[in-house]
C-alpha cells in the first residue's frame, strides 16, 4: 500500500473518531469540544487536499445516478461542515472568545445543532459509500 493511501486512511479514521467525540459534548465539556472542532476542521481540509484528484475530475466524465448521488452527498457534507464551523466560532466561549459575536447566539445555536446532526447523517452515508 502506498504511503499516501495510508495517510488517507489514517485521516479518515481520525475524522471518524473526532466526529464521535464531538457528539459527546456533555461528557467532554466545552473547551474540549471547541478544540476537537478545530481538529476536525484541520482534518477536513487535509482530507480534501488528499482527495484533490476527485475535485479535479468533478466536471469530467459521465454522471451516473450513483456519481450524482455521491456528489450531492459531498456537497451536503460541505454545507453542513461550513454551518458547523461558522456557528461554532460564533458560539465559542473560550478559543474564539476574542471575536465580537454577541448577537444571534440563539440562531447560531440552532444552526450548529442542525448542521451537526445533519452532518452526522451525511458523513455516515459518505463513509458508507466508501
Protein backbone atom coordinates (compact mmCIF):
# COMPACT_ATOMS: atom_id res chain seq x y z
CA UNK A 1 0.00 0.00 0.00
CA UNK A 2 1.33 3.43 -0.94
CA UNK A 3 2.19 5.92 1.79
CA UNK A 4 -0.39 8.43 0.51
CA UNK A 5 -3.08 5.77 0.78
CA UNK A 6 -2.01 5.02 4.36
CA UNK A 7 -2.20 8.73 5.24
CA UNK A 8 -5.68 8.94 3.65
CA UNK A 9 -6.90 6.02 5.73
CA UNK A 10 -5.34 7.45 8.90
CA UNK A 11 -7.02 10.82 8.29
CA UNK A 12 -10.37 9.13 7.66
CA UNK A 13 -10.08 7.09 10.85
CA UNK A 14 -9.09 10.20 12.81
CA UNK A 15 -12.06 12.13 11.36
CA UNK A 16 -14.42 9.33 12.37
CA UNK A 17 -13.01 9.22 15.91
CA UNK A 18 -13.13 13.01 16.31
CA UNK A 19 -16.68 13.13 14.95
CA UNK A 20 -17.80 10.58 17.53
CA UNK A 21 -16.04 12.51 20.31
CA UNK A 22 -17.65 15.76 19.15
CA UNK A 23 -21.05 14.15 19.61
CA UNK A 24 -20.30 13.58 23.32
CA UNK A 25 -20.39 17.28 24.22
CA UNK A 26 -21.96 16.63 27.64
CA UNK A 27 -19.15 14.25 28.59
CA UNK A 28 -16.12 16.16 27.31
CA UNK A 29 -17.07 19.76 28.10
CA UNK A 30 -16.98 22.92 26.05
CA UNK A 31 -13.23 23.54 25.90
CA UNK A 32 -12.53 20.01 24.64
CA UNK A 33 -15.45 20.31 22.21
CA UNK A 34 -14.02 23.52 20.77
CA UNK A 35 -10.52 22.01 20.46
CA UNK A 36 -11.91 18.90 18.79
CA UNK A 37 -13.91 21.13 16.44
CA UNK A 38 -10.68 22.83 15.34
CA UNK A 39 -9.00 19.45 14.92
CA UNK A 40 -11.97 18.28 12.82
CA UNK A 41 -11.67 21.40 10.64
CA UNK A 42 -7.95 20.73 10.05
CA UNK A 43 -8.65 17.08 9.25
CA UNK A 44 -11.47 18.15 6.90
CA UNK A 45 -9.07 20.43 4.99
CA UNK A 46 -6.40 17.70 4.92
CA UNK A 47 -8.98 15.18 3.68
CA UNK A 48 -9.83 17.46 0.76
CA UNK A 49 -6.17 18.11 -0.05
CA UNK A 50 -5.50 14.36 -0.11
CA UNK A 51 -8.57 13.80 -2.30
CA UNK A 52 -7.98 16.74 -4.63
CA UNK A 53 -7.94 14.39 -7.62
CA UNK A 54 -11.67 13.75 -7.07
CA UNK A 55 -12.32 17.50 -7.07
CA UNK A 56 -10.28 18.00 -10.26
CA UNK A 57 -12.31 15.29 -12.02
CA UNK A 58 -15.63 16.71 -10.87
CA UNK A 59 -16.53 18.18 -14.26
CA UNK A 60 -15.11 15.30 -16.29
CA UNK A 61 -16.81 12.12 -17.36
CA UNK A 62 -20.37 10.91 -17.37
CA UNK A 63 -22.65 11.37 -14.38
CA UNK A 64 -24.40 8.15 -13.49
CA UNK A 65 -27.08 8.07 -10.80
CA UNK A 66 -24.54 6.84 -8.23
CA UNK A 67 -21.99 9.53 -9.10
CA UNK A 68 -24.70 12.20 -8.91
CA UNK A 69 -25.82 10.91 -5.51
CA UNK A 70 -22.24 10.87 -4.19
CA UNK A 71 -21.63 14.41 -5.47
CA UNK A 72 -24.83 15.69 -3.84
CA UNK A 73 -23.75 13.94 -0.66
CA UNK A 74 -20.30 15.57 -0.72
CA UNK A 75 -21.86 19.00 -1.25
CA UNK A 76 -24.24 18.31 1.64
CA UNK A 77 -21.31 17.37 3.89
CA UNK A 78 -19.50 20.54 2.81
CA UNK A 79 -22.51 22.73 3.61
CA UNK A 80 -23.10 21.08 6.98
CA UNK A 81 -19.41 21.45 7.89
CA UNK A 82 -19.46 25.11 6.86
CA UNK A 83 -22.56 25.65 9.01
CA UNK A 84 -20.96 23.87 11.96
CA UNK A 85 -17.71 25.80 11.65
CA UNK A 86 -19.35 29.22 11.30
CA UNK A 87 -21.84 28.67 14.11
CA UNK A 88 -19.15 27.05 16.29
CA UNK A 89 -16.96 30.14 16.02
CA UNK A 90 -19.93 32.37 16.90
CA UNK A 91 -20.84 30.18 19.90
CA UNK A 92 -17.25 29.83 21.15
CA UNK A 93 -16.77 30.88 24.76
CA UNK A 94 -13.08 30.03 25.05
CA UNK A 95 -10.92 29.69 21.93
CA UNK A 96 -12.63 32.36 19.81
CA UNK A 97 -13.94 34.45 22.71
CA UNK A 98 -11.95 37.46 21.48
CA UNK A 99 -14.24 37.77 18.44
CA UNK A 100 -17.10 40.24 18.89
CA UNK A 101 -20.10 37.94 18.41
CA UNK A 102 -22.74 38.86 20.95
CA UNK A 103 -25.94 38.90 18.95
CA UNK A 104 -27.56 35.99 17.20
CA UNK A 105 -26.48 33.30 19.66
CA UNK A 106 -29.88 31.63 19.52
CA UNK A 107 -29.71 31.45 15.72
CA UNK A 108 -26.12 30.19 15.87
CA UNK A 109 -27.06 27.50 18.42
CA UNK A 110 -29.92 26.28 16.23
CA UNK A 111 -27.69 26.37 13.15
CA UNK A 112 -24.96 24.46 14.99
CA UNK A 113 -27.33 21.72 16.13
CA UNK A 114 -28.97 21.43 12.71
CA UNK A 115 -25.62 21.37 10.89
CA UNK A 116 -24.10 18.91 13.35
CA UNK A 117 -26.90 16.36 13.26
CA UNK A 118 -27.48 16.51 9.52
CA UNK A 119 -23.71 16.48 9.03
CA UNK A 120 -23.53 13.31 11.11
CA UNK A 121 -26.11 11.69 8.82
CA UNK A 122 -24.39 12.92 5.63
CA UNK A 123 -20.91 11.91 6.82
CA UNK A 124 -22.17 8.46 7.83
CA UNK A 125 -23.66 7.98 4.36
CA UNK A 126 -20.46 9.32 2.75
CA UNK A 127 -18.38 6.88 4.77
CA UNK A 128 -20.80 4.06 3.94
CA UNK A 129 -20.44 4.65 0.20
CA UNK A 130 -16.68 4.25 0.53
